[in-house]
């Protein structure tokens, strides 16, 4: 990890400047992925039509240094290909059909680029870029994302989240205006589940798996000025519990269901 002593927190970190709606907001996980193939323009457009406040999607880097939207590091689940995504060139990935696995209605759907997502729905939805990289070697993805935020003026409507603390540190180091969110899950090693690196990093938002969220976690985060974003929430009972705790964002595959819970309460 970068030398944490080389920077003072006040010089590196900024608090959230995104234009968040009041109350609990609803983000569509990989788009409205319960109804359309994940991480496709169709899923993102459907989320907008359903009234979601934002979308979450996964960003990786290709062999030839291009950014592309896809969740799995290893190909094969949503396309007829195999091997690490990072071993493939951008043009070859774009030629793959990532819609037919879900339904023939979506045959021919492509892996979109971040620019396409911003142009398609960025004026209607907040954006959560999840940086997919679990290695200490970031392969140039951070400066490309930072450049994207600057070119497309995304600071007030987009954020970057990741399970990788080094990646988030590099994002804030290169561009303090970017809002960052720290992801963690119940099945991670204990030293990553522990809170030491999040206290050190001072992320703008915490993104724990929903089963890890407690009243104490929410109180402590809010006392530090941090938001709490829960994933992946797909049932009404869980959504009601988290909403009652004051969680700031619910992220799920069925944004219409989550919106109904929030509106009813």
C-alpha atoms as a PDB file:
ATOM      1  CA  UNK A   1       0.000   0.000   0.000  1.00  0.00           C
ATOM      2  CA  UNK A   2       1.102   3.598  -0.536  1.00  0.00           C
ATOM      3  CA  UNK A   3       3.073   5.389   2.167  1.00  0.00           C
ATOM      4  CA  UNK A   4       0.247   6.636   4.362  1.00  0.00           C
ATOM      5  CA  UNK A   5       2.592   8.950   6.217  1.00  0.00           C
ATOM      6  CA  UNK A   6       3.409  10.901   3.090  1.00  0.00           C
ATOM      7  CA  UNK A   7       0.122  12.816   3.129  1.00  0.00           C
ATOM      8  CA  UNK A   8      -1.976  14.497   5.768  1.00  0.00           C
ATOM      9  CA  UNK A   9      -5.621  13.506   5.683  1.00  0.00           C
ATOM     10  CA  UNK A  10      -6.711  17.112   5.203  1.00  0.00           C
ATOM     11  CA  UNK A  11      -4.582  17.315   2.066  1.00  0.00           C
ATOM     12  CA  UNK A  12      -5.746  14.073   0.490  1.00  0.00           C
ATOM     13  CA  UNK A  13      -9.310  13.438   1.585  1.00  0.00           C
ATOM     14  CA  UNK A  14     -12.439  15.424   0.883  1.00  0.00           C
ATOM     15  CA  UNK A  15     -15.946  14.757   2.114  1.00  0.00           C
ATOM     16  CA  UNK A  16     -18.786  13.776  -0.165  1.00  0.00           C
ATOM     17  CA  UNK A  17     -19.705  16.421  -2.728  1.00  0.00           C
ATOM     18  CA  UNK A  18     -22.106  14.244  -4.688  1.00  0.00           C
ATOM     19  CA  UNK A  19     -25.656  15.530  -4.938  1.00  0.00           C
ATOM     20  CA  UNK A  20     -27.378  12.822  -2.904  1.00  0.00           C
ATOM     21  CA  UNK A  21     -31.181  12.788  -2.584  1.00  0.00           C
ATOM     22  CA  UNK A  22     -32.649  13.126   0.895  1.00  0.00           C
ATOM     23  CA  UNK A  23     -33.429   9.931   2.760  1.00  0.00           C
ATOM     24  CA  UNK A  24     -32.601   6.402   1.630  1.00  0.00           C
ATOM     25  CA  UNK A  25     -31.724   6.258  -2.048  1.00  0.00           C
ATOM     26  CA  UNK A  26     -32.069   3.217  -4.296  1.00  0.00           C
ATOM     27  CA  UNK A  27     -29.310   1.997  -6.597  1.00  0.00           C
ATOM     28  CA  UNK A  28     -29.749  -0.744  -9.174  1.00  0.00           C
ATOM     29  CA  UNK A  29     -27.052  -3.406  -8.731  1.00  0.00           C
ATOM     30  CA  UNK A  30     -25.371  -3.863 -12.136  1.00  0.00           C
ATOM     31  CA  UNK A  31     -28.461  -2.091 -13.414  1.00  0.00           C
ATOM     32  CA  UNK A  32     -31.911  -3.626 -13.030  1.00  0.00           C
ATOM     33  CA  UNK A  33     -30.177  -6.990 -13.273  1.00  0.00           C
ATOM     34  CA  UNK A  34     -33.164  -8.991 -12.061  1.00  0.00           C
ATOM     35  CA  UNK A  35     -34.969  -8.038 -15.262  1.00  0.00           C
ATOM     36  CA  UNK A  36     -32.209  -7.559 -17.849  1.00  0.00           C
ATOM     37  CA  UNK A  37     -28.652  -8.845 -18.357  1.00  0.00           C
ATOM     38  CA  UNK A  38     -26.313  -7.327 -15.790  1.00  0.00           C
ATOM     39  CA  UNK A  39     -23.980  -4.481 -16.678  1.00  0.00           C
ATOM     40  CA  UNK A  40     -25.633  -3.747 -20.020  1.00  0.00           C
ATOM     41  CA  UNK A  41     -27.151  -0.554 -21.342  1.00  0.00           C
ATOM     42  CA  UNK A  42     -30.540  -2.303 -21.320  1.00  0.00           C
ATOM     43  CA  UNK A  43     -30.274  -2.938 -17.570  1.00  0.00           C
ATOM     44  CA  UNK A  44     -29.157   0.637 -16.906  1.00  0.00           C
ATOM     45  CA  UNK A  45     -31.954   2.142 -18.995  1.00  0.00           C
ATOM     46  CA  UNK A  46     -34.538  -0.030 -17.245  1.00  0.00           C
ATOM     47  CA  UNK A  47     -33.260   1.157 -13.864  1.00  0.00           C
ATOM     48  CA  UNK A  48     -33.792   4.753 -14.967  1.00  0.00           C
ATOM     49  CA  UNK A  49     -37.306   3.984 -16.182  1.00  0.00           C
ATOM     50  CA  UNK A  50     -38.149   2.332 -12.846  1.00  0.00           C
ATOM     51  CA  UNK A  51     -37.201   5.482 -10.981  1.00  0.00           C
ATOM     52  CA  UNK A  52     -33.961   4.345  -9.325  1.00  0.00           C
ATOM     53  CA  UNK A  53     -31.757   7.115  -7.998  1.00  0.00           C
ATOM     54  CA  UNK A  54     -28.620   5.506  -9.384  1.00  0.00           C
ATOM     55  CA  UNK A  55     -26.841   2.453 -10.728  1.00  0.00           C
ATOM     56  CA  UNK A  56     -23.804   0.436  -9.685  1.00  0.00           C
ATOM     57  CA  UNK A  57     -21.591  -1.213 -12.296  1.00  0.00           C
ATOM     58  CA  UNK A  58     -18.193  -2.890 -12.500  1.00  0.00           C
ATOM     59  CA  UNK A  59     -15.184  -1.450 -14.317  1.00  0.00           C
ATOM     60  CA  UNK A  60     -12.153  -3.406 -15.503  1.00  0.00           C
ATOM     61  CA  UNK A  61      -9.223  -2.734 -17.807  1.00  0.00           C
ATOM     62  CA  UNK A  62      -8.500  -4.668 -20.993  1.00  0.00           C
ATOM     63  CA  UNK A  63      -5.200  -6.030 -22.239  1.00  0.00           C
ATOM     64  CA  UNK A  64      -4.755  -2.952 -24.414  1.00  0.00           C
ATOM     65  CA  UNK A  65      -5.552  -0.485 -21.638  1.00  0.00           C
ATOM     66  CA  UNK A  66      -9.210   0.355 -22.293  1.00  0.00           C
ATOM     67  CA  UNK A  67     -11.933   0.591 -19.652  1.00  0.00           C
ATOM     68  CA  UNK A  68     -14.909  -1.737 -20.028  1.00  0.00           C
ATOM     69  CA  UNK A  69     -17.958  -2.648 -17.930  1.00  0.00           C
ATOM     70  CA  UNK A  70     -18.027  -6.274 -16.732  1.00  0.00           C
ATOM     71  CA  UNK A  71     -18.225  -7.998 -13.362  1.00  0.00           C
ATOM     72  CA  UNK A  72     -16.345 -11.282 -13.571  1.00  0.00           C
ATOM     73  CA  UNK A  73     -12.570 -11.321 -13.780  1.00  0.00           C
ATOM     74  CA  UNK A  74     -12.799 -14.709 -15.507  1.00  0.00           C
ATOM     75  CA  UNK A  75     -14.945 -14.898 -18.629  1.00  0.00           C
ATOM     76  CA  UNK A  76     -17.479 -17.648 -19.237  1.00  0.00           C
ATOM     77  CA  UNK A  77     -20.562 -17.005 -17.125  1.00  0.00           C
ATOM     78  CA  UNK A  78     -22.248 -14.411 -19.333  1.00  0.00           C
ATOM     79  CA  UNK A  79     -20.435 -14.905 -22.650  1.00  0.00           C
ATOM     80  CA  UNK A  80     -19.035 -17.691 -24.830  1.00  0.00           C
ATOM     81  CA  UNK A  81     -15.385 -17.187 -23.901  1.00  0.00           C
ATOM     82  CA  UNK A  82     -12.898 -18.126 -21.204  1.00  0.00           C
ATOM     83  CA  UNK A  83      -9.833 -16.847 -19.411  1.00  0.00           C
ATOM     84  CA  UNK A  84      -9.095 -13.624 -17.532  1.00  0.00           C
ATOM     85  CA  UNK A  85     -10.774 -10.541 -18.970  1.00  0.00           C
ATOM     86  CA  UNK A  86      -7.471  -8.688 -18.638  1.00  0.00           C
ATOM     87  CA  UNK A  87      -5.945 -11.058 -21.212  1.00  0.00           C
ATOM     88  CA  UNK A  88      -8.423  -9.963 -23.885  1.00  0.00           C
ATOM     89  CA  UNK A  89      -8.244  -6.958 -26.208  1.00  0.00           C
ATOM     90  CA  UNK A  90     -10.996  -4.358 -26.137  1.00  0.00           C
ATOM     91  CA  UNK A  91     -12.256  -5.075 -29.670  1.00  0.00           C
ATOM     92  CA  UNK A  92     -12.588  -8.795 -28.969  1.00  0.00           C
ATOM     93  CA  UNK A  93     -14.519  -8.183 -25.754  1.00  0.00           C
ATOM     94  CA  UNK A  94     -16.850  -5.776 -27.530  1.00  0.00           C
ATOM     95  CA  UNK A  95     -17.643  -8.447 -30.111  1.00  0.00           C
ATOM     96  CA  UNK A  96     -18.951 -10.838 -27.437  1.00  0.00           C
ATOM     97  CA  UNK A  97     -22.673 -11.377 -26.835  1.00  0.00           C
ATOM     98  CA  UNK A  98     -23.382 -10.761 -23.135  1.00  0.00           C
ATOM     99  CA  UNK A  99     -27.178 -10.780 -23.411  1.00  0.00           C
ATOM    100  CA  UNK A 100     -28.216 -14.197 -24.722  1.00  0.00           C
ATOM    101  CA  UNK A 101     -27.313 -16.035 -21.497  1.00  0.00           C
ATOM    102  CA  UNK A 102     -30.115 -14.076 -19.805  1.00  0.00           C
ATOM    103  CA  UNK A 103     -32.725 -14.182 -22.568  1.00  0.00           C
ATOM    104  CA  UNK A 104     -32.877 -14.334 -26.353  1.00  0.00           C
ATOM    105  CA  UNK A 105     -34.625 -10.948 -26.139  1.00  0.00           C
ATOM    106  CA  UNK A 106     -31.231  -9.442 -25.308  1.00  0.00           C
ATOM    107  CA  UNK A 107     -29.153 -11.281 -27.918  1.00  0.00           C
ATOM    108  CA  UNK A 108     -26.246  -9.198 -29.158  1.00  0.00           C
ATOM    109  CA  UNK A 109     -25.916  -6.986 -26.085  1.00  0.00           C
ATOM    110  CA  UNK A 110     -22.363  -5.687 -25.697  1.00  0.00           C
ATOM    111  CA  UNK A 111     -20.116  -4.902 -22.783  1.00  0.00           C
ATOM    112  CA  UNK A 112     -20.489  -1.108 -22.623  1.00  0.00           C
ATOM    113  CA  UNK A 113     -17.798   1.462 -22.005  1.00  0.00           C
ATOM    114  CA  UNK A 114     -18.016   3.913 -19.089  1.00  0.00           C
ATOM    115  CA  UNK A 115     -18.407   6.752 -21.580  1.00  0.00           C
ATOM    116  CA  UNK A 116     -21.444   5.050 -23.116  1.00  0.00           C
ATOM    117  CA  UNK A 117     -23.032   4.610 -19.699  1.00  0.00           C
ATOM    118  CA  UNK A 118     -22.504   8.265 -18.786  1.00  0.00           C
ATOM    119  CA  UNK A 119     -23.905   9.425 -22.117  1.00  0.00           C
ATOM    120  CA  UNK A 120     -26.911   7.083 -21.940  1.00  0.00           C
ATOM    121  CA  UNK A 121     -28.092   7.593 -18.356  1.00  0.00           C
ATOM    122  CA  UNK A 122     -25.642   9.894 -16.585  1.00  0.00           C
ATOM    123  CA  UNK A 123     -28.032  12.814 -16.839  1.00  0.00           C
ATOM    124  CA  UNK A 124     -30.779  10.855 -15.054  1.00  0.00           C
ATOM    125  CA  UNK A 125     -28.947   8.605 -12.605  1.00  0.00           C
ATOM    126  CA  UNK A 126     -26.164   8.824 -10.047  1.00  0.00           C
ATOM    127  CA  UNK A 127     -23.301   6.482 -10.890  1.00  0.00           C
ATOM    128  CA  UNK A 128     -21.300   4.080  -8.729  1.00  0.00           C
ATOM    129  CA  UNK A 129     -18.225   2.763 -10.529  1.00  0.00           C
ATOM    130  CA  UNK A 130     -16.975  -0.376  -8.790  1.00  0.00           C
ATOM    131  CA  UNK A 131     -13.280  -0.750  -9.541  1.00  0.00           C
ATOM    132  CA  UNK A 132     -12.682  -4.489  -9.966  1.00  0.00           C
ATOM    133  CA  UNK A 133      -9.107  -5.336  -9.026  1.00  0.00           C
ATOM    134  CA  UNK A 134      -7.885  -7.502  -6.152  1.00  0.00           C
ATOM    135  CA  UNK A 135      -4.189  -7.138  -6.911  1.00  0.00           C
ATOM    136  CA  UNK A 136      -1.577  -4.760  -5.556  1.00  0.00           C
ATOM    137  CA  UNK A 137      -0.738  -4.152  -9.237  1.00  0.00           C
ATOM    138  CA  UNK A 138      -3.480  -1.875 -10.579  1.00  0.00           C
ATOM    139  CA  UNK A 139      -2.431  -2.066 -14.257  1.00  0.00           C
ATOM    140  CA  UNK A 140      -3.136   1.583 -14.961  1.00  0.00           C
ATOM    141  CA  UNK A 141      -6.869   1.496 -14.207  1.00  0.00           C
ATOM    142  CA  UNK A 142      -6.842   4.309 -11.624  1.00  0.00           C
ATOM    143  CA  UNK A 143      -5.402   7.105 -13.816  1.00  0.00           C
ATOM    144  CA  UNK A 144      -7.812   6.156 -16.590  1.00  0.00           C
ATOM    145  CA  UNK A 145     -10.780   6.396 -14.228  1.00  0.00           C
ATOM    146  CA  UNK A 146      -9.519   9.694 -12.837  1.00  0.00           C
ATOM    147  CA  UNK A 147      -9.168  11.042 -16.378  1.00  0.00           C
ATOM    148  CA  UNK A 148     -12.736   9.928 -17.138  1.00  0.00           C
ATOM    149  CA  UNK A 149     -14.096  11.801 -14.108  1.00  0.00           C
ATOM    150  CA  UNK A 150     -12.256  14.934 -15.160  1.00  0.00           C
ATOM    151  CA  UNK A 151     -13.193  14.755 -18.843  1.00  0.00           C
ATOM    152  CA  UNK A 152     -16.874  14.065 -18.204  1.00  0.00           C
ATOM    153  CA  UNK A 153     -17.211  16.296 -15.108  1.00  0.00           C
ATOM    154  CA  UNK A 154     -18.521  13.507 -12.888  1.00  0.00           C
ATOM    155  CA  UNK A 155     -17.526  14.725  -9.430  1.00  0.00           C
ATOM    156  CA  UNK A 156     -21.032  15.721  -8.324  1.00  0.00           C
ATOM    157  CA  UNK A 157     -22.862  12.685  -9.731  1.00  0.00           C
ATOM    158  CA  UNK A 158     -20.523   9.691  -9.547  1.00  0.00           C
ATOM    159  CA  UNK A 159     -18.338   7.784  -7.104  1.00  0.00           C
ATOM    160  CA  UNK A 160     -15.814   4.939  -7.126  1.00  0.00           C
ATOM    161  CA  UNK A 161     -16.071   1.940  -4.805  1.00  0.00           C
ATOM    162  CA  UNK A 162     -13.767  -1.049  -4.423  1.00  0.00           C
ATOM    163  CA  UNK A 163     -12.793  -3.962  -2.202  1.00  0.00           C
ATOM    164  CA  UNK A 164      -9.174  -2.974  -2.851  1.00  0.00           C
ATOM    165  CA  UNK A 165      -7.914  -0.410  -0.291  1.00  0.00           C
ATOM    166  CA  UNK A 166      -4.834   0.407  -2.341  1.00  0.00           C
ATOM    167  CA  UNK A 167      -6.983   1.235  -5.362  1.00  0.00           C
ATOM    168  CA  UNK A 168      -9.145   3.598  -3.309  1.00  0.00           C
ATOM    169  CA  UNK A 169      -6.080   5.236  -1.790  1.00  0.00           C
ATOM    170  CA  UNK A 170      -4.664   5.844  -5.263  1.00  0.00           C
ATOM    171  CA  UNK A 171      -7.956   7.346  -6.443  1.00  0.00           C
ATOM    172  CA  UNK A 172      -8.028   9.876  -3.580  1.00  0.00           C
ATOM    173  CA  UNK A 173      -4.323  10.572  -3.926  1.00  0.00           C
ATOM    174  CA  UNK A 174      -4.687  11.402  -7.624  1.00  0.00           C
ATOM    175  CA  UNK A 175      -8.008  13.243  -7.385  1.00  0.00           C
ATOM    176  CA  UNK A 176      -9.360  14.249  -3.940  1.00  0.00           C
ATOM    177  CA  UNK A 177     -12.639  15.441  -5.463  1.00  0.00           C
ATOM    178  CA  UNK A 178     -13.740  11.889  -6.273  1.00  0.00           C
ATOM    179  CA  UNK A 179     -16.124  10.336  -3.748  1.00  0.00           C
ATOM    180  CA  UNK A 180     -14.938   6.864  -2.675  1.00  0.00           C
ATOM    181  CA  UNK A 181     -16.693   3.935  -1.016  1.00  0.00           C
ATOM    182  CA  UNK A 182     -15.018   1.048   0.827  1.00  0.00           C
ATOM    183  CA  UNK A 183     -16.508  -2.374   0.076  1.00  0.00           C
ATOM    184  CA  UNK A 184     -16.262  -5.433   2.290  1.00  0.00           C
ATOM    185  CA  UNK A 185     -18.099  -8.738   2.651  1.00  0.00           C
ATOM    186  CA  UNK A 186     -18.681 -11.470   5.209  1.00  0.00           C
ATOM    187  CA  UNK A 187     -16.474 -13.989   3.393  1.00  0.00           C
ATOM    188  CA  UNK A 188     -13.328 -11.849   3.191  1.00  0.00           C
ATOM    189  CA  UNK A 189     -10.243 -12.664   5.290  1.00  0.00           C
ATOM    190  CA  UNK A 190     -10.508 -11.304   8.835  1.00  0.00           C
ATOM    191  CA  UNK A 191      -7.792  -8.691   8.297  1.00  0.00           C
ATOM    192  CA  UNK A 192      -9.859  -7.126   5.502  1.00  0.00           C
ATOM    193  CA  UNK A 193     -13.147  -7.373   7.406  1.00  0.00           C
ATOM    194  CA  UNK A 194     -11.517  -5.587  10.339  1.00  0.00           C
ATOM    195  CA  UNK A 195     -11.994  -1.846  10.345  1.00  0.00           C
ATOM    196  CA  UNK A 196      -8.352  -0.717  10.554  1.00  0.00           C
ATOM    197  CA  UNK A 197      -7.894   0.018   6.861  1.00  0.00           C
ATOM    198  CA  UNK A 198     -11.189   1.882   6.611  1.00  0.00           C
ATOM    199  CA  UNK A 199     -10.247   4.091   9.567  1.00  0.00           C
ATOM    200  CA  UNK A 200      -6.911   4.752   7.887  1.00  0.00           C
ATOM    201  CA  UNK A 201      -8.431   5.404   4.469  1.00  0.00           C
ATOM    202  CA  UNK A 202     -11.305   7.621   5.654  1.00  0.00           C
ATOM    203  CA  UNK A 203     -13.670   6.768   2.773  1.00  0.00           C
ATOM    204  CA  UNK A 204     -16.635   9.006   2.075  1.00  0.00           C
ATOM    205  CA  UNK A 205     -18.982   6.009   2.252  1.00  0.00           C
ATOM    206  CA  UNK A 206     -18.984   2.511   3.718  1.00  0.00           C
ATOM    207  CA  UNK A 207     -20.261  -0.313   1.492  1.00  0.00           C
ATOM    208  CA  UNK A 208     -20.671  -3.397   3.709  1.00  0.00           C
ATOM    209  CA  UNK A 209     -22.553  -6.508   2.703  1.00  0.00           C
ATOM    210  CA  UNK A 210     -26.016  -5.985   4.183  1.00  0.00           C
ATOM    211  CA  UNK A 211     -25.660  -8.834   6.711  1.00  0.00           C
ATOM    212  CA  UNK A 212     -22.806  -6.921   8.391  1.00  0.00           C
ATOM    213  CA  UNK A 213     -24.774  -3.748   9.062  1.00  0.00           C
ATOM    214  CA  UNK A 214     -25.649  -3.057  12.699  1.00  0.00           C
ATOM    215  CA  UNK A 215     -27.132  -0.026  14.468  1.00  0.00           C
ATOM    216  CA  UNK A 216     -23.666   0.654  15.940  1.00  0.00           C
ATOM    217  CA  UNK A 217     -22.023   0.663  12.500  1.00  0.00           C
ATOM    218  CA  UNK A 218     -24.575   3.138  11.160  1.00  0.00           C
ATOM    219  CA  UNK A 219     -24.276   5.435  14.196  1.00  0.00           C
ATOM    220  CA  UNK A 220     -20.481   5.440  14.081  1.00  0.00           C
ATOM    221  CA  UNK A 221     -20.364   6.090  10.335  1.00  0.00           C
ATOM    222  CA  UNK A 222     -22.822   8.963  10.521  1.00  0.00           C
ATOM    223  CA  UNK A 223     -20.912  10.455  13.455  1.00  0.00           C
ATOM    224  CA  UNK A 224     -17.833  10.557  11.193  1.00  0.00           C
ATOM    225  CA  UNK A 225     -19.792  12.093   8.330  1.00  0.00           C
ATOM    226  CA  UNK A 226     -19.764   8.886   6.284  1.00  0.00           C
ATOM    227  CA  UNK A 227     -22.676   7.394   4.380  1.00  0.00           C
ATOM    228  CA  UNK A 228     -23.658   3.717   4.676  1.00  0.00           C
ATOM    229  CA  UNK A 229     -24.521   1.865   1.459  1.00  0.00           C
ATOM    230  CA  UNK A 230     -25.904  -1.685   1.694  1.00  0.00           C
ATOM    231  CA  UNK A 231     -25.593  -4.465  -0.886  1.00  0.00           C
ATOM    232  CA  UNK A 232     -27.114  -6.695  -2.268  1.00  0.00           C
ATOM    233  CA  UNK A 233     -30.658  -6.225  -0.948  1.00  0.00           C
ATOM    234  CA  UNK A 234     -33.358  -8.156  -2.799  1.00  0.00           C
ATOM    235  CA  UNK A 235     -36.101  -8.813  -0.243  1.00  0.00           C
ATOM    236  CA  UNK A 236     -38.555  -6.439   1.393  1.00  0.00           C
ATOM    237  CA  UNK A 237     -37.898  -7.572   4.968  1.00  0.00           C
ATOM    238  CA  UNK A 238     -34.184  -6.802   4.744  1.00  0.00           C
ATOM    239  CA  UNK A 239     -34.900  -3.512   3.000  1.00  0.00           C
ATOM    240  CA  UNK A 240     -37.299  -2.443   5.763  1.00  0.00           C
ATOM    241  CA  UNK A 241     -34.775  -3.330   8.481  1.00  0.00           C
ATOM    242  CA  UNK A 242     -31.982  -1.355   6.847  1.00  0.00           C
ATOM    243  CA  UNK A 243     -34.231   1.577   6.058  1.00  0.00           C
ATOM    244  CA  UNK A 244     -35.268   1.728   9.720  1.00  0.00           C
ATOM    245  CA  UNK A 245     -31.595   1.793  10.741  1.00  0.00           C
ATOM    246  CA  UNK A 246     -31.027   4.899   8.639  1.00  0.00           C
ATOM    247  CA  UNK A 247     -28.933   3.274   5.907  1.00  0.00           C
ATOM    248  CA  UNK A 248     -28.330   5.857   3.178  1.00  0.00           C
ATOM    249  CA  UNK A 249     -28.433   3.583   0.131  1.00  0.00           C
ATOM    250  CA  UNK A 250     -30.021   0.231  -0.685  1.00  0.00           C
ATOM    251  CA  UNK A 251     -28.509  -1.535  -3.673  1.00  0.00           C
ATOM    252  CA  UNK A 252     -30.309  -4.437  -5.330  1.00  0.00           C
ATOM    253  CA  UNK A 253     -31.186  -6.299  -8.510  1.00  0.00           C
ATOM    254  CA  UNK A 254     -34.868  -5.269  -8.329  1.00  0.00           C
ATOM    255  CA  UNK A 255     -34.892  -1.499  -7.782  1.00  0.00           C
ATOM    256  CA  UNK A 256     -38.672  -1.276  -8.139  1.00  0.00           C
ATOM    257  CA  UNK A 257     -39.117  -3.504  -5.075  1.00  0.00           C
ATOM    258  CA  UNK A 258     -36.745  -1.391  -2.997  1.00  0.00           C
ATOM    259  CA  UNK A 259     -38.434   1.817  -4.099  1.00  0.00           C
ATOM    260  CA  UNK A 260     -41.783   0.405  -2.976  1.00  0.00           C
ATOM    261  CA  UNK A 261     -40.394  -0.320   0.501  1.00  0.00           C
ATOM    262  CA  UNK A 262     -38.882   3.136   0.905  1.00  0.00           C
ATOM    263  CA  UNK A 263     -42.007   4.870  -0.376  1.00  0.00           C
ATOM    264  CA  UNK A 264     -44.272   2.810   1.909  1.00  0.00           C
ATOM    265  CA  UNK A 265     -42.165   3.781   4.923  1.00  0.00           C
END
